Amino acid sequence: MGQVKSVYILILLNYLIYGLSLIFPLQILALNTYNVEFYQFITSFFYHFSFEHISGDMFFIYFFGRLIEEQLGDKTFLSVYLLSGLTVNGIEYILNIGQPMVLGGASGVVYALFSISLFVRPKKSWQSWVEVVVLLPFVISHTLTELSLLGQNDTISHSSHLLGAIIGTVIYFIIIKRKK
């Protein structure tokens, strides 16, 4: 569709915020479900807790975000990024009101991009079907792994990952497919 650029800008913004968080105390950007500030619903998916966290999220945003931006354009990609992040955070907040939970990172967005990437590739050539054969098992295996890890007492919000996959599918079928 158009030249991919929003993916790169978002990746740079995420790394900039991560770099600044190494110098300044920016934990206020994470979504604190116990003491929430309105801006945290957006800033939290730009704030990452570790280098491993940001590098993993940015790798997948680079890969899956480019697929989506190439097919749908930068405005739609940006809309998906923001809408999926806000929706995941909103649902997590509602499900965890009053419970001390701190959320950060773009993993919910990543899982939304996973699911959308399955649908946006045109299926007109044998190469695009090969892409689906590569993407589908990857997305399914990651989603099943997250499902099996729900309720684990670790520092990862597996529910945010699953919500992202569901929200990505809903965004595709309700917004993107209708727009086409």
C-alpha atoms as a PDB file:
ATOM      1  CA  MET A   1       0.000   0.000   0.000  1.00  0.00           C
ATOM      2  CA  GLY A   2       2.438   2.632   1.145  1.00  0.00           C
ATOM      3  CA  GLN A   3       5.904   3.083   2.448  1.00  0.00           C
ATOM      4  CA  VAL A   4       6.431   1.609   5.903  1.00  0.00           C
ATOM      5  CA  LYS A   5       7.378   4.355   8.344  1.00  0.00           C
ATOM      6  CA  SER A   6       5.095   4.328  11.393  1.00  0.00           C
ATOM      7  CA  VAL A   7       6.556   1.034  12.602  1.00  0.00           C
ATOM      8  CA  TYR A   8      10.037   2.563  12.667  1.00  0.00           C
ATOM      9  CA  ILE A   9       8.850   5.722  14.432  1.00  0.00           C
ATOM     10  CA  LEU A  10       7.057   3.692  17.125  1.00  0.00           C
ATOM     11  CA  ILE A  11      10.090   1.468  17.634  1.00  0.00           C
ATOM     12  CA  LEU A  12      12.348   4.515  18.017  1.00  0.00           C
ATOM     13  CA  LEU A  13       9.874   6.090  20.454  1.00  0.00           C
ATOM     14  CA  ASN A  14       9.804   2.913  22.546  1.00  0.00           C
ATOM     15  CA  TYR A  15      13.607   2.733  22.639  1.00  0.00           C
ATOM     16  CA  LEU A  16      13.845   6.446  23.461  1.00  0.00           C
ATOM     17  CA  ILE A  17      11.510   6.032  26.435  1.00  0.00           C
ATOM     18  CA  TYR A  18      13.413   2.928  27.530  1.00  0.00           C
ATOM     19  CA  GLY A  19      16.718   4.816  27.305  1.00  0.00           C
ATOM     20  CA  LEU A  20      15.296   7.712  29.300  1.00  0.00           C
ATOM     21  CA  SER A  21      13.997   5.267  31.919  1.00  0.00           C
ATOM     22  CA  LEU A  22      17.581   4.157  32.514  1.00  0.00           C
ATOM     23  CA  ILE A  23      18.447   7.736  33.491  1.00  0.00           C
ATOM     24  CA  PHE A  24      15.216   9.064  35.025  1.00  0.00           C
ATOM     25  CA  PRO A  25      12.604   7.350  37.221  1.00  0.00           C
ATOM     26  CA  LEU A  26       9.803   6.848  34.689  1.00  0.00           C
ATOM     27  CA  GLN A  27       7.858   4.085  36.486  1.00  0.00           C
ATOM     28  CA  ILE A  28       4.905   6.519  36.562  1.00  0.00           C
ATOM     29  CA  LEU A  29       4.421   5.649  32.887  1.00  0.00           C
ATOM     30  CA  ALA A  30       3.471   2.031  33.730  1.00  0.00           C
ATOM     31  CA  LEU A  31      -0.216   1.282  34.337  1.00  0.00           C
ATOM     32  CA  ASN A  32      -0.676   0.898  38.079  1.00  0.00           C
ATOM     33  CA  THR A  33      -4.088  -0.747  38.525  1.00  0.00           C
ATOM     34  CA  TYR A  34      -4.113   0.094  42.215  1.00  0.00           C
ATOM     35  CA  ASN A  35      -3.377   3.793  41.774  1.00  0.00           C
ATOM     36  CA  VAL A  36      -4.122   4.550  38.138  1.00  0.00           C
ATOM     37  CA  GLU A  37      -3.527   7.817  36.328  1.00  0.00           C
ATOM     38  CA  PHE A  38      -5.401   8.408  33.067  1.00  0.00           C
ATOM     39  CA  TYR A  39      -2.269   8.909  30.939  1.00  0.00           C
ATOM     40  CA  GLN A  40      -0.956   5.471  31.987  1.00  0.00           C
ATOM     41  CA  PHE A  41      -3.492   3.778  29.709  1.00  0.00           C
ATOM     42  CA  ILE A  42      -1.349   5.016  26.801  1.00  0.00           C
ATOM     43  CA  THR A  43       2.131   5.488  28.249  1.00  0.00           C
ATOM     44  CA  SER A  44       2.295   1.966  29.669  1.00  0.00           C
ATOM     45  CA  PHE A  45       2.604   0.307  26.273  1.00  0.00           C
ATOM     46  CA  PHE A  46       5.629   2.492  25.533  1.00  0.00           C
ATOM     47  CA  TYR A  47       7.301   1.752  28.888  1.00  0.00           C
ATOM     48  CA  HIS A  48       9.326  -1.455  29.281  1.00  0.00           C
ATOM     49  CA  PHE A  49      10.829  -3.008  32.399  1.00  0.00           C
ATOM     50  CA  SER A  50      14.021  -4.491  30.933  1.00  0.00           C
ATOM     51  CA  PHE A  51      16.139  -4.691  27.812  1.00  0.00           C
ATOM     52  CA  GLU A  52      14.909  -8.251  27.143  1.00  0.00           C
ATOM     53  CA  HIS A  53      11.328  -7.014  27.421  1.00  0.00           C
ATOM     54  CA  ILE A  54      11.705  -4.152  24.959  1.00  0.00           C
ATOM     55  CA  SER A  55      13.873  -6.082  22.501  1.00  0.00           C
ATOM     56  CA  GLY A  56      11.304  -8.894  22.303  1.00  0.00           C
ATOM     57  CA  ASP A  57       8.361  -6.535  21.860  1.00  0.00           C
ATOM     58  CA  MET A  58      10.184  -4.428  19.260  1.00  0.00           C
ATOM     59  CA  PHE A  59      11.266  -7.472  17.260  1.00  0.00           C
ATOM     60  CA  PHE A  60       7.650  -8.579  16.912  1.00  0.00           C
ATOM     61  CA  ILE A  61       6.382  -5.054  16.245  1.00  0.00           C
ATOM     62  CA  TYR A  62       9.008  -4.750  13.529  1.00  0.00           C
ATOM     63  CA  PHE A  63       8.072  -8.061  11.926  1.00  0.00           C
ATOM     64  CA  PHE A  64       4.289  -8.106  12.292  1.00  0.00           C
ATOM     65  CA  GLY A  65       3.816  -4.341  12.239  1.00  0.00           C
ATOM     66  CA  ARG A  66       5.573  -4.080   8.881  1.00  0.00           C
ATOM     67  CA  LEU A  67       3.328  -6.796   7.423  1.00  0.00           C
ATOM     68  CA  ILE A  68       0.252  -4.892   8.537  1.00  0.00           C
ATOM     69  CA  GLU A  69       1.520  -1.444   7.587  1.00  0.00           C
ATOM     70  CA  GLU A  70       2.528  -2.660   4.108  1.00  0.00           C
ATOM     71  CA  GLN A  71      -0.968  -4.009   3.492  1.00  0.00           C
ATOM     72  CA  LEU A  72      -3.134  -1.411   5.252  1.00  0.00           C
ATOM     73  CA  GLY A  73      -1.081   1.775   5.456  1.00  0.00           C
ATOM     74  CA  ASP A  74       0.433   3.740   8.280  1.00  0.00           C
ATOM     75  CA  LYS A  75      -2.780   5.345   9.578  1.00  0.00           C
ATOM     76  CA  THR A  76      -4.480   1.986   9.991  1.00  0.00           C
ATOM     77  CA  PHE A  77      -1.375   0.500  11.607  1.00  0.00           C
ATOM     78  CA  LEU A  78      -1.172   3.399  14.087  1.00  0.00           C
ATOM     79  CA  SER A  79      -4.877   3.039  14.824  1.00  0.00           C
ATOM     80  CA  VAL A  80      -4.432  -0.692  15.475  1.00  0.00           C
ATOM     81  CA  TYR A  81      -1.422  -0.025  17.717  1.00  0.00           C
ATOM     82  CA  LEU A  82      -3.238   2.554  19.846  1.00  0.00           C
ATOM     83  CA  LEU A  83      -6.661   0.903  19.870  1.00  0.00           C
ATOM     84  CA  SER A  84      -5.353  -2.526  20.807  1.00  0.00           C
ATOM     85  CA  GLY A  85      -3.069  -1.120  23.526  1.00  0.00           C
ATOM     86  CA  LEU A  86      -5.831   1.028  25.015  1.00  0.00           C
ATOM     87  CA  THR A  87      -8.371  -1.790  24.895  1.00  0.00           C
ATOM     88  CA  VAL A  88      -6.041  -4.338  26.515  1.00  0.00           C
ATOM     89  CA  ASN A  89      -5.170  -1.852  29.253  1.00  0.00           C
ATOM     90  CA  GLY A  90      -8.801  -0.887  29.799  1.00  0.00           C
ATOM     91  CA  ILE A  91      -9.915  -4.494  30.176  1.00  0.00           C
ATOM     92  CA  GLU A  92      -6.945  -5.351  32.424  1.00  0.00           C
ATOM     93  CA  TYR A  93      -7.796  -2.368  34.603  1.00  0.00           C
ATOM     94  CA  ILE A  94     -11.443  -3.399  34.917  1.00  0.00           C
ATOM     95  CA  LEU A  95     -10.486  -6.998  35.711  1.00  0.00           C
ATOM     96  CA  ASN A  96      -7.937  -5.923  38.320  1.00  0.00           C
ATOM     97  CA  ILE A  97      -9.537  -2.897  40.011  1.00  0.00           C
ATOM     98  CA  GLY A  98      -8.119  -2.492  43.487  1.00  0.00           C
ATOM     99  CA  GLN A  99      -5.499  -5.183  43.023  1.00  0.00           C
ATOM    100  CA  PRO A 100      -1.858  -4.122  43.054  1.00  0.00           C
ATOM    101  CA  MET A 101      -0.691  -4.800  39.506  1.00  0.00           C
ATOM    102  CA  VAL A 102       1.739  -2.800  37.390  1.00  0.00           C
ATOM    103  CA  LEU A 103       1.572  -3.258  33.632  1.00  0.00           C
ATOM    104  CA  GLY A 104       4.062  -2.104  31.043  1.00  0.00           C
ATOM    105  CA  GLY A 105       5.183  -3.053  27.589  1.00  0.00           C
ATOM    106  CA  ALA A 106       3.593  -3.584  24.216  1.00  0.00           C
ATOM    107  CA  SER A 107       2.911  -7.329  24.479  1.00  0.00           C
ATOM    108  CA  GLY A 108      -0.865  -6.898  24.221  1.00  0.00           C
ATOM    109  CA  VAL A 109      -0.294  -4.879  21.044  1.00  0.00           C
ATOM    110  CA  VAL A 110       2.116  -7.533  19.772  1.00  0.00           C
ATOM    111  CA  TYR A 111      -0.490 -10.264  20.171  1.00  0.00           C
ATOM    112  CA  ALA A 112      -3.068  -8.087  18.396  1.00  0.00           C
ATOM    113  CA  LEU A 113      -0.592  -7.711  15.528  1.00  0.00           C
ATOM    114  CA  PHE A 114      -0.019 -11.498  15.550  1.00  0.00           C
ATOM    115  CA  SER A 115      -3.690 -12.192  14.964  1.00  0.00           C
ATOM    116  CA  ILE A 116      -4.266  -9.392  12.438  1.00  0.00           C
ATOM    117  CA  SER A 117      -1.265 -10.526  10.389  1.00  0.00           C
ATOM    118  CA  LEU A 118      -3.035 -13.813   9.674  1.00  0.00           C
ATOM    119  CA  PHE A 119      -5.901 -12.017   7.976  1.00  0.00           C
ATOM    120  CA  VAL A 120      -4.334  -9.103   6.094  1.00  0.00           C
ATOM    121  CA  ARG A 121      -2.083 -10.986   3.716  1.00  0.00           C
ATOM    122  CA  PRO A 122      -3.720 -11.358   0.315  1.00  0.00           C
ATOM    123  CA  LYS A 123      -4.234 -15.036  -0.503  1.00  0.00           C
ATOM    124  CA  LYS A 124      -3.885 -14.690  -4.266  1.00  0.00           C
ATOM    125  CA  SER A 125      -0.514 -16.355  -4.788  1.00  0.00           C
ATOM    126  CA  TRP A 126       1.139 -19.516  -3.601  1.00  0.00           C
ATOM    127  CA  GLN A 127       3.736 -17.357  -1.779  1.00  0.00           C
ATOM    128  CA  SER A 128       1.068 -15.722   0.359  1.00  0.00           C
ATOM    129  CA  TRP A 129      -0.286 -19.146   1.292  1.00  0.00           C
ATOM    130  CA  VAL A 130       3.223 -20.171   2.349  1.00  0.00           C
ATOM    131  CA  GLU A 131       3.285 -17.070   4.579  1.00  0.00           C
ATOM    132  CA  VAL A 132       0.030 -18.194   6.197  1.00  0.00           C
ATOM    133  CA  VAL A 133       1.482 -21.686   6.707  1.00  0.00           C
ATOM    134  CA  VAL A 134       4.436 -20.045   8.507  1.00  0.00           C
ATOM    135  CA  LEU A 135       2.407 -17.524  10.533  1.00  0.00           C
ATOM    136  CA  LEU A 136      -0.555 -19.672  11.601  1.00  0.00           C
ATOM    137  CA  PRO A 137       1.344 -22.277  13.656  1.00  0.00           C
ATOM    138  CA  PHE A 138       3.445 -19.521  15.233  1.00  0.00           C
ATOM    139  CA  VAL A 139       0.398 -17.530  16.333  1.00  0.00           C
ATOM    140  CA  ILE A 140      -1.513 -20.612  17.487  1.00  0.00           C
ATOM    141  CA  SER A 141       1.434 -22.016  19.469  1.00  0.00           C
ATOM    142  CA  HIS A 142       2.108 -18.694  21.214  1.00  0.00           C
ATOM    143  CA  THR A 143      -1.567 -18.265  22.023  1.00  0.00           C
ATOM    144  CA  LEU A 144      -1.859 -21.815  23.401  1.00  0.00           C
ATOM    145  CA  THR A 145       1.282 -21.285  25.475  1.00  0.00           C
ATOM    146  CA  GLU A 146      -0.180 -18.108  26.962  1.00  0.00           C
ATOM    147  CA  LEU A 147      -3.428 -19.933  27.708  1.00  0.00           C
ATOM    148  CA  SER A 148      -1.514 -22.652  29.551  1.00  0.00           C
ATOM    149  CA  LEU A 149       0.348 -20.012  31.593  1.00  0.00           C
ATOM    150  CA  LEU A 150      -2.735 -18.115  32.762  1.00  0.00           C
ATOM    151  CA  GLY A 151      -2.734 -17.855  36.522  1.00  0.00           C
ATOM    152  CA  GLN A 152       1.017 -18.395  36.842  1.00  0.00           C
ATOM    153  CA  ASN A 153       2.579 -16.387  39.611  1.00  0.00           C
ATOM    154  CA  ASP A 154       5.212 -14.669  37.483  1.00  0.00           C
ATOM    155  CA  THR A 155       5.813 -11.112  36.341  1.00  0.00           C
ATOM    156  CA  ILE A 156       4.202 -11.604  32.922  1.00  0.00           C
ATOM    157  CA  SER A 157       0.608 -10.626  32.194  1.00  0.00           C
ATOM    158  CA  HIS A 158      -0.444 -13.670  30.179  1.00  0.00           C
ATOM    159  CA  SER A 159      -4.006 -12.360  30.185  1.00  0.00           C
ATOM    160  CA  SER A 160      -2.816  -9.215  28.357  1.00  0.00           C
ATOM    161  CA  HIS A 161      -1.308 -11.407  25.652  1.00  0.00           C
ATOM    162  CA  LEU A 162      -4.523 -13.368  25.205  1.00  0.00           C
ATOM    163  CA  LEU A 163      -6.620 -10.202  25.285  1.00  0.00           C
ATOM    164  CA  GLY A 164      -4.365  -8.743  22.595  1.00  0.00           C
ATOM    165  CA  ALA A 165      -4.918 -11.755  20.324  1.00  0.00           C
ATOM    166  CA  ILE A 166      -8.687 -11.568  20.821  1.00  0.00           C
ATOM    167  CA  ILE A 167      -8.797  -7.793  20.376  1.00  0.00           C
ATOM    168  CA  GLY A 168      -6.676  -8.010  17.218  1.00  0.00           C
ATOM    169  CA  THR A 169      -9.127 -10.501  15.735  1.00  0.00           C
ATOM    170  CA  VAL A 170     -12.089  -8.302  16.687  1.00  0.00           C
ATOM    171  CA  ILE A 171     -10.392  -5.194  15.258  1.00  0.00           C
ATOM    172  CA  TYR A 172      -9.771  -7.014  12.006  1.00  0.00           C
ATOM    173  CA  PHE A 173     -13.292  -8.353  11.524  1.00  0.00           C
ATOM    174  CA  ILE A 174     -15.219  -5.345  12.830  1.00  0.00           C
ATOM    175  CA  ILE A 175     -13.084  -2.451  11.618  1.00  0.00           C
ATOM    176  CA  ILE A 176     -10.501  -3.420   9.012  1.00  0.00           C
ATOM    177  CA  LYS A 177     -12.471  -5.960   6.981  1.00  0.00           C
ATOM    178  CA  ARG A 178     -15.505  -3.662   6.816  1.00  0.00           C
ATOM    179  CA  LYS A 179     -13.278  -0.785   5.729  1.00  0.00           C
ATOM    180  CA  LYS A 180     -11.955  -2.858   2.799  1.00  0.00           C
END
